[in-house]
C-alpha atoms as a PDB file:
ATOM      1  CA  UNK A   1     174.169 170.847  78.799  1.00  0.00           C
ATOM      2  CA  UNK A   2     177.229 168.595  79.051  1.00  0.00           C
ATOM      3  CA  UNK A   3     179.186 166.585  81.592  1.00  0.00           C
ATOM      4  CA  UNK A   4     182.666 165.194  82.148  1.00  0.00           C
ATOM      5  CA  UNK A   5     183.643 161.527  81.961  1.00  0.00           C
ATOM      6  CA  UNK A   6     186.991 160.532  83.440  1.00  0.00           C
ATOM      7  CA  UNK A   7     188.438 157.083  82.717  1.00  0.00           C
ATOM      8  CA  UNK A   8     191.313 155.514  84.632  1.00  0.00           C
ATOM      9  CA  UNK A   9     192.714 152.274  83.222  1.00  0.00           C
ATOM     10  CA  UNK A  10     194.378 149.959  85.741  1.00  0.00           C
ATOM     11  CA  UNK A  11     195.225 146.500  84.477  1.00  0.00           C
ATOM     12  CA  UNK A  12     192.003 144.705  83.546  1.00  0.00           C
ATOM     13  CA  UNK A  13     189.812 147.484  84.967  1.00  0.00           C
ATOM     14  CA  UNK A  14     188.474 150.804  83.749  1.00  0.00           C
ATOM     15  CA  UNK A  15     187.246 153.098  86.521  1.00  0.00           C
ATOM     16  CA  UNK A  16     184.691 155.622  85.327  1.00  0.00           C
ATOM     17  CA  UNK A  17     183.701 158.933  86.912  1.00  0.00           C
ATOM     18  CA  UNK A  18     180.861 160.984  85.435  1.00  0.00           C
ATOM     19  CA  UNK A  19     180.336 164.459  86.843  1.00  0.00           C
ATOM     20  CA  UNK A  20     179.237 168.005  86.049  1.00  0.00           C
ATOM     21  CA  UNK A  21     182.546 169.354  87.318  1.00  0.00           C
ATOM     22  CA  UNK A  22     186.125 168.087  87.348  1.00  0.00           C
ATOM     23  CA  UNK A  23     186.397 168.970  91.037  1.00  0.00           C
ATOM     24  CA  UNK A  24     184.975 165.941  92.840  1.00  0.00           C
ATOM     25  CA  UNK A  25     186.018 165.467  96.456  1.00  0.00           C
ATOM     26  CA  UNK A  26     187.916 168.766  96.404  1.00  0.00           C
ATOM     27  CA  UNK A  27     187.189 171.840  98.501  1.00  0.00           C
ATOM     28  CA  UNK A  28     185.546 174.614  96.531  1.00  0.00           C
ATOM     29  CA  UNK A  29     186.275 178.202  97.528  1.00  0.00           C
ATOM     30  CA  UNK A  30     183.199 180.245  98.310  1.00  0.00           C
ATOM     31  CA  UNK A  31     180.809 177.354  98.865  1.00  0.00           C
ATOM     32  CA  UNK A  32     178.661 178.173 101.889  1.00  0.00           C
ATOM     33  CA  UNK A  33     177.759 174.657 102.958  1.00  0.00           C
ATOM     34  CA  UNK A  34     180.715 172.815 104.410  1.00  0.00           C
ATOM     35  CA  UNK A  35     180.944 169.022 104.609  1.00  0.00           C
ATOM     36  CA  UNK A  36     180.916 167.514 108.073  1.00  0.00           C
ATOM     37  CA  UNK A  37     183.998 165.898 109.585  1.00  0.00           C
ATOM     38  CA  UNK A  38     182.290 162.551 109.104  1.00  0.00           C
ATOM     39  CA  UNK A  39     181.763 163.269 105.397  1.00  0.00           C
ATOM     40  CA  UNK A  40     185.376 164.385 105.010  1.00  0.00           C
ATOM     41  CA  UNK A  41     186.663 161.252 106.734  1.00  0.00           C
ATOM     42  CA  UNK A  42     184.462 159.087 104.502  1.00  0.00           C
ATOM     43  CA  UNK A  43     185.803 160.786 101.385  1.00  0.00           C
ATOM     44  CA  UNK A  44     189.386 160.445 102.602  1.00  0.00           C
ATOM     45  CA  UNK A  45     188.782 156.740 103.201  1.00  0.00           C
ATOM     46  CA  UNK A  46     187.248 156.296  99.743  1.00  0.00           C
ATOM     47  CA  UNK A  47     190.117 158.163  98.086  1.00  0.00           C
ATOM     48  CA  UNK A  48     192.701 156.080  99.944  1.00  0.00           C
ATOM     49  CA  UNK A  49     190.966 152.868  98.892  1.00  0.00           C
ATOM     50  CA  UNK A  50     190.761 154.061  95.290  1.00  0.00           C
ATOM     51  CA  UNK A  51     194.452 154.980  95.099  1.00  0.00           C
ATOM     52  CA  UNK A  52     195.528 151.641  96.543  1.00  0.00           C
ATOM     53  CA  UNK A  53     193.048 149.729  94.386  1.00  0.00           C
ATOM     54  CA  UNK A  54     194.461 151.327  91.235  1.00  0.00           C
ATOM     55  CA  UNK A  55     198.007 150.452  92.283  1.00  0.00           C
ATOM     56  CA  UNK A  56     197.100 146.831  92.965  1.00  0.00           C
ATOM     57  CA  UNK A  57     195.027 146.407  89.798  1.00  0.00           C
ATOM     58  CA  UNK A  58     197.701 148.006  87.618  1.00  0.00           C
ATOM     59  CA  UNK A  59     200.702 146.146  89.022  1.00  0.00           C
ATOM     60  CA  UNK A  60     199.636 142.766  90.350  1.00  0.00           C
ATOM     61  CA  UNK A  61     197.707 139.799  89.060  1.00  0.00           C
ATOM     62  CA  UNK A  62     197.072 136.084  89.078  1.00  0.00           C
ATOM     63  CA  UNK A  63     199.368 134.011  91.309  1.00  0.00           C
ATOM     64  CA  UNK A  64     201.044 137.006  92.960  1.00  0.00           C
ATOM     65  CA  UNK A  65     201.423 136.143  96.669  1.00  0.00           C
ATOM     66  CA  UNK A  66     199.677 138.072  99.419  1.00  0.00           C
ATOM     67  CA  UNK A  67     201.619 137.244 102.567  1.00  0.00           C
ATOM     68  CA  UNK A  68     200.845 137.603 106.263  1.00  0.00           C
ATOM     69  CA  UNK A  69     204.116 137.971 108.174  1.00  0.00           C
ATOM     70  CA  UNK A  70     203.648 137.303 111.874  1.00  0.00           C
ATOM     71  CA  UNK A  71     205.946 137.176 114.895  1.00  0.00           C
ATOM     72  CA  UNK A  72     206.419 134.508 117.490  1.00  0.00           C
ATOM     73  CA  UNK A  73     204.722 135.630 120.688  1.00  0.00           C
ATOM     74  CA  UNK A  74     207.944 136.021 122.639  1.00  0.00           C
ATOM     75  CA  UNK A  75     209.560 138.029 119.801  1.00  0.00           C
ATOM     76  CA  UNK A  76     206.895 140.618 119.062  1.00  0.00           C
ATOM     77  CA  UNK A  77     208.653 143.943 118.361  1.00  0.00           C
ATOM     78  CA  UNK A  78     207.750 147.575 118.884  1.00  0.00           C
ATOM     79  CA  UNK A  79     206.267 149.372 115.856  1.00  0.00           C
ATOM     80  CA  UNK A  80     209.615 151.045 115.267  1.00  0.00           C
ATOM     81  CA  UNK A  81     211.516 147.760 115.278  1.00  0.00           C
ATOM     82  CA  UNK A  82     208.853 146.091 113.112  1.00  0.00           C
ATOM     83  CA  UNK A  83     209.392 148.810 110.521  1.00  0.00           C
ATOM     84  CA  UNK A  84     213.114 148.009 110.466  1.00  0.00           C
ATOM     85  CA  UNK A  85     212.359 144.279 110.181  1.00  0.00           C
ATOM     86  CA  UNK A  86     210.142 144.622 107.129  1.00  0.00           C
ATOM     87  CA  UNK A  87     212.537 147.076 105.474  1.00  0.00           C
ATOM     88  CA  UNK A  88     215.378 144.584 105.960  1.00  0.00           C
ATOM     89  CA  UNK A  89     213.275 141.795 104.421  1.00  0.00           C
ATOM     90  CA  UNK A  90     212.456 143.955 101.414  1.00  0.00           C
ATOM     91  CA  UNK A  91     216.117 144.797 100.849  1.00  0.00           C
ATOM     92  CA  UNK A  92     216.994 141.095 100.876  1.00  0.00           C
ATOM     93  CA  UNK A  93     214.116 140.240  98.540  1.00  0.00           C
ATOM     94  CA  UNK A  94     215.148 142.990  96.138  1.00  0.00           C
ATOM     95  CA  UNK A  95     218.690 141.581  95.987  1.00  0.00           C
ATOM     96  CA  UNK A  96     217.428 138.035  95.397  1.00  0.00           C
ATOM     97  CA  UNK A  97     215.089 139.191  92.622  1.00  0.00           C
ATOM     98  CA  UNK A  98     217.929 141.028  90.890  1.00  0.00           C
ATOM     99  CA  UNK A  99     220.061 137.871  90.957  1.00  0.00           C
ATOM    100  CA  UNK A 100     217.527 136.213  88.660  1.00  0.00           C
ATOM    101  CA  UNK A 101     216.956 139.273  86.495  1.00  0.00           C
ATOM    102  CA  UNK A 102     213.679 140.453  88.010  1.00  0.00           C
ATOM    103  CA  UNK A 103     212.486 143.606  89.741  1.00  0.00           C
ATOM    104  CA  UNK A 104     210.640 143.366  93.038  1.00  0.00           C
ATOM    105  CA  UNK A 105     207.280 145.077  93.262  1.00  0.00           C
ATOM    106  CA  UNK A 106     205.604 145.303  96.641  1.00  0.00           C
ATOM    107  CA  UNK A 107     202.926 146.897  98.793  1.00  0.00           C
ATOM    108  CA  UNK A 108     203.339 146.603 102.547  1.00  0.00           C
ATOM    109  CA  UNK A 109     200.877 147.284 105.362  1.00  0.00           C
ATOM    110  CA  UNK A 110     201.727 146.938 109.055  1.00  0.00           C
ATOM    111  CA  UNK A 111     198.944 146.552 111.605  1.00  0.00           C
ATOM    112  CA  UNK A 112     199.148 146.417 115.394  1.00  0.00           C
ATOM    113  CA  UNK A 113     196.227 148.308 116.957  1.00  0.00           C
ATOM    114  CA  UNK A 114     194.298 146.021 119.339  1.00  0.00           C
ATOM    115  CA  UNK A 115     195.937 142.934 117.853  1.00  0.00           C
ATOM    116  CA  UNK A 116     199.321 141.225 117.611  1.00  0.00           C
ATOM    117  CA  UNK A 117     201.663 143.163 115.361  1.00  0.00           C
ATOM    118  CA  UNK A 118     201.967 141.748 111.830  1.00  0.00           C
ATOM    119  CA  UNK A 119     202.664 142.753 108.249  1.00  0.00           C
ATOM    120  CA  UNK A 120     200.636 142.247 105.072  1.00  0.00           C
ATOM    121  CA  UNK A 121     202.930 142.045 102.073  1.00  0.00           C
ATOM    122  CA  UNK A 122     201.877 141.818  98.420  1.00  0.00           C
ATOM    123  CA  UNK A 123     204.699 141.018  95.985  1.00  0.00           C
ATOM    124  CA  UNK A 124     205.025 139.924  92.368  1.00  0.00           C
ATOM    125  CA  UNK A 125     205.737 136.264  91.624  1.00  0.00           C
ATOM    126  CA  UNK A 126     208.431 135.127  89.207  1.00  0.00           C
ATOM    127  CA  UNK A 127     207.516 132.408  86.715  1.00  0.00           C
ATOM    128  CA  UNK A 128     209.601 129.295  87.271  1.00  0.00           C
ATOM    129  CA  UNK A 129     210.832 130.331  90.731  1.00  0.00           C
ATOM    130  CA  UNK A 130     209.553 129.459  94.210  1.00  0.00           C
ATOM    131  CA  UNK A 131     209.033 132.910  95.718  1.00  0.00           C
ATOM    132  CA  UNK A 132     207.198 131.453  98.722  1.00  0.00           C
ATOM    133  CA  UNK A 133     210.228 129.356  99.635  1.00  0.00           C
ATOM    134  CA  UNK A 134     212.427 132.425  99.343  1.00  0.00           C
ATOM    135  CA  UNK A 135     210.226 134.445 101.716  1.00  0.00           C
ATOM    136  CA  UNK A 136     210.153 131.591 104.252  1.00  0.00           C
ATOM    137  CA  UNK A 137     213.937 131.455 104.221  1.00  0.00           C
ATOM    138  CA  UNK A 138     214.334 135.204 104.694  1.00  0.00           C
ATOM    139  CA  UNK A 139     211.620 135.845 107.304  1.00  0.00           C
ATOM    140  CA  UNK A 140     213.175 134.778 110.599  1.00  0.00           C
ATOM    141  CA  UNK A 141     210.480 135.790 113.082  1.00  0.00           C
ATOM    142  CA  UNK A 142     207.638 133.384 112.428  1.00  0.00           C
ATOM    143  CA  UNK A 143     205.799 131.346 109.806  1.00  0.00           C
ATOM    144  CA  UNK A 144     204.517 133.336 106.795  1.00  0.00           C
ATOM    145  CA  UNK A 145     201.014 132.575 105.559  1.00  0.00           C
ATOM    146  CA  UNK A 146     200.397 132.750 101.803  1.00  0.00           C
ATOM    147  CA  UNK A 147     197.309 133.347  99.689  1.00  0.00           C
ATOM    148  CA  UNK A 148     197.403 134.168  95.983  1.00  0.00           C
ATOM    149  CA  UNK A 149     195.597 136.675  93.805  1.00  0.00           C
ATOM    150  CA  UNK A 150     192.994 135.272  91.442  1.00  0.00           C
ATOM    151  CA  UNK A 151     192.801 136.047  87.742  1.00  0.00           C
ATOM    152  CA  UNK A 152     189.935 138.548  87.829  1.00  0.00           C
ATOM    153  CA  UNK A 153     192.159 141.634  87.782  1.00  0.00           C
ATOM    154  CA  UNK A 154     189.751 143.372  90.173  1.00  0.00           C
ATOM    155  CA  UNK A 155     191.135 143.527  93.716  1.00  0.00           C
ATOM    156  CA  UNK A 156     188.932 146.172  95.312  1.00  0.00           C
ATOM    157  CA  UNK A 157     188.125 143.984  98.337  1.00  0.00           C
ATOM    158  CA  UNK A 158     191.811 143.549  99.102  1.00  0.00           C
ATOM    159  CA  UNK A 159     192.437 147.301  98.878  1.00  0.00           C
ATOM    160  CA  UNK A 160     189.452 148.032 101.149  1.00  0.00           C
ATOM    161  CA  UNK A 161     190.658 145.464 103.682  1.00  0.00           C
ATOM    162  CA  UNK A 162     194.170 146.902 103.817  1.00  0.00           C
ATOM    163  CA  UNK A 163     192.962 150.484 104.229  1.00  0.00           C
ATOM    164  CA  UNK A 164     190.591 149.386 106.990  1.00  0.00           C
ATOM    165  CA  UNK A 165     193.450 147.536 108.705  1.00  0.00           C
ATOM    166  CA  UNK A 166     195.484 150.725 109.006  1.00  0.00           C
ATOM    167  CA  UNK A 167     192.720 153.221 109.719  1.00  0.00           C
ATOM    168  CA  UNK A 168     193.581 153.339 113.431  1.00  0.00           C
ATOM    169  CA  UNK A 169     197.373 153.221 113.283  1.00  0.00           C
ATOM    170  CA  UNK A 170     198.804 155.228 110.393  1.00  0.00           C
ATOM    171  CA  UNK A 171     198.638 158.528 112.280  1.00  0.00           C
ATOM    172  CA  UNK A 172     200.217 157.170 115.459  1.00  0.00           C
ATOM    173  CA  UNK A 173     203.493 158.787 116.517  1.00  0.00           C
ATOM    174  CA  UNK A 174     205.105 155.604 117.809  1.00  0.00           C
ATOM    175  CA  UNK A 175     207.990 154.925 115.472  1.00  0.00           C
ATOM    176  CA  UNK A 176     205.928 152.851 113.025  1.00  0.00           C
ATOM    177  CA  UNK A 177     204.759 153.697 109.542  1.00  0.00           C
ATOM    178  CA  UNK A 178     203.298 157.195 109.305  1.00  0.00           C
ATOM    179  CA  UNK A 179     201.312 156.414 106.188  1.00  0.00           C
ATOM    180  CA  UNK A 180     198.644 153.847 105.454  1.00  0.00           C
ATOM    181  CA  UNK A 181     201.037 151.660 103.479  1.00  0.00           C
ATOM    182  CA  UNK A 182     204.421 151.661 101.795  1.00  0.00           C
ATOM    183  CA  UNK A 183     205.157 150.510  98.259  1.00  0.00           C
ATOM    184  CA  UNK A 184     208.016 150.138  95.816  1.00  0.00           C
ATOM    185  CA  UNK A 185     208.849 153.083  93.582  1.00  0.00           C
ATOM    186  CA  UNK A 186     208.555 151.043  90.392  1.00  0.00           C
ATOM    187  CA  UNK A 187     204.776 150.641  90.549  1.00  0.00           C
ATOM    188  CA  UNK A 188     202.734 151.857  87.590  1.00  0.00           C
ATOM    189  CA  UNK A 189     200.581 154.846  88.549  1.00  0.00           C
ATOM    190  CA  UNK A 190     197.481 154.976  86.306  1.00  0.00           C
ATOM    191  CA  UNK A 191     196.762 158.390  84.778  1.00  0.00           C
ATOM    192  CA  UNK A 192     193.106 159.456  84.386  1.00  0.00           C
ATOM    193  CA  UNK A 193     191.881 160.851  81.069  1.00  0.00           C
ATOM    194  CA  UNK A 194     188.937 163.255  80.931  1.00  0.00           C
ATOM    195  CA  UNK A 195     186.636 164.111  78.032  1.00  0.00           C
ATOM    196  CA  UNK A 196     183.540 166.278  77.744  1.00  0.00           C
ATOM    197  CA  UNK A 197     180.270 164.677  76.666  1.00  0.00           C
ATOM    198  CA  UNK A 198     178.470 167.407  74.748  1.00  0.00           C
ATOM    199  CA  UNK A 199     174.722 167.895  74.468  1.00  0.00           C
ATOM    200  CA  UNK A 200     173.905 165.343  77.166  1.00  0.00           C
ATOM    201  CA  UNK A 201     171.755 166.423  80.091  1.00  0.00           C
ATOM    202  CA  UNK A 202     172.381 163.355  82.247  1.00  0.00           C
ATOM    203  CA  UNK A 203     173.788 159.847  82.352  1.00  0.00           C
ATOM    204  CA  UNK A 204     172.085 156.506  82.932  1.00  0.00           C
ATOM    205  CA  UNK A 205     171.508 155.647  86.583  1.00  0.00           C
ATOM    206  CA  UNK A 206     172.439 152.053  85.683  1.00  0.00           C
ATOM    207  CA  UNK A 207     175.463 152.271  83.357  1.00  0.00           C
ATOM    208  CA  UNK A 208     176.145 149.891  80.492  1.00  0.00           C
ATOM    209  CA  UNK A 209     179.527 148.282  79.797  1.00  0.00           C
ATOM    210  CA  UNK A 210     181.539 148.661  76.618  1.00  0.00           C
ATOM    211  CA  UNK A 211     182.250 145.611  74.446  1.00  0.00           C
ATOM    212  CA  UNK A 212     184.614 143.120  76.068  1.00  0.00           C
ATOM    213  CA  UNK A 213     183.906 144.297  79.626  1.00  0.00           C
ATOM    214  CA  UNK A 214     181.345 143.780  82.362  1.00  0.00           C
ATOM    215  CA  UNK A 215     180.346 146.202  85.104  1.00  0.00           C
ATOM    216  CA  UNK A 216     181.189 145.284  88.675  1.00  0.00           C
ATOM    217  CA  UNK A 217     177.752 146.015  90.153  1.00  0.00           C
ATOM    218  CA  UNK A 218     179.169 146.535  93.638  1.00  0.00           C
ATOM    219  CA  UNK A 219     181.085 149.570  92.375  1.00  0.00           C
ATOM    220  CA  UNK A 220     178.162 151.508  90.886  1.00  0.00           C
ATOM    221  CA  UNK A 221     177.567 154.610  92.988  1.00  0.00           C
ATOM    222  CA  UNK A 222     175.328 157.591  92.298  1.00  0.00           C
ATOM    223  CA  UNK A 223     175.833 160.360  94.821  1.00  0.00           C
ATOM    224  CA  UNK A 224     176.215 164.047  95.570  1.00  0.00           C
ATOM    225  CA  UNK A 225     179.641 165.448  96.313  1.00  0.00           C
ATOM    226  CA  UNK A 226     179.526 167.273  99.682  1.00  0.00           C
ATOM    227  CA  UNK A 227     182.271 169.646  98.533  1.00  0.00           C
ATOM    228  CA  UNK A 228     180.474 170.860  95.377  1.00  0.00           C
ATOM    229  CA  UNK A 229     176.839 169.878  95.909  1.00  0.00           C
ATOM    230  CA  UNK A 230     176.777 168.343  92.419  1.00  0.00           C
ATOM    231  CA  UNK A 231     175.750 164.850  91.327  1.00  0.00           C
ATOM    232  CA  UNK A 232     178.315 162.326  90.196  1.00  0.00           C
ATOM    233  CA  UNK A 233     178.551 158.658  89.317  1.00  0.00           C
ATOM    234  CA  UNK A 234     181.344 156.109  89.770  1.00  0.00           C
ATOM    235  CA  UNK A 235     181.632 152.543  88.549  1.00  0.00           C
ATOM    236  CA  UNK A 236     184.231 150.045  87.380  1.00  0.00           C
ATOM    237  CA  UNK A 237     184.282 147.920  84.247  1.00  0.00           C
ATOM    238  CA  UNK A 238     186.318 144.702  84.289  1.00  0.00           C
ATOM    239  CA  UNK A 239     187.717 143.033  81.182  1.00  0.00           C
ATOM    240  CA  UNK A 240     186.131 139.706  80.343  1.00  0.00           C
ATOM    241  CA  UNK A 241     188.606 136.847  80.533  1.00  0.00           C
END
């Protein structure tokens, strides 16, 4: 008996997947039992969160600004116009970064369902430069609000929040964004590596961390994949500071 262990390194995190098949969350031809629409939607949500989480963890870190870009009430745009506004801001930011020898990295989410339209923008800071001042000067529609990433390197809550924010709007055909978020092309995309653990019937229900890391207990999940009917386990290890 053996199983697979897949490790994806993203910044200070190592995401671990243990399974008896490489095909987790993937439709299997010939399987009689089909997952429900609710199960499929849940898996899609989890996969979207995971992809965004890996991008954030691999590309952003301490002191990078997470910005809420709002509009003055009398200037609130349509989704289509809001898309043009944020794209124009990003072009200007990219030019300003290049002037000081830096490359802009960003993730942008636009939300407007049942609330005033606004953007969430995560960008990289530049040591020795006031990026917040730059954004305030370039954003002409309202007052940006800034918070900053901590030094943990684990930003799963931020990824979950952003995916939840867009869950009702990204499929709308209204001229806005037709995906959950947009991001710069220069982001690092973590590549998973899989190995086979031979002569092991099962894994520990409560995993143990490797040296120099701790396990984020909130990420430990033991479940059964509705697509394959097989058990699997996920968890994330975070590097000790």
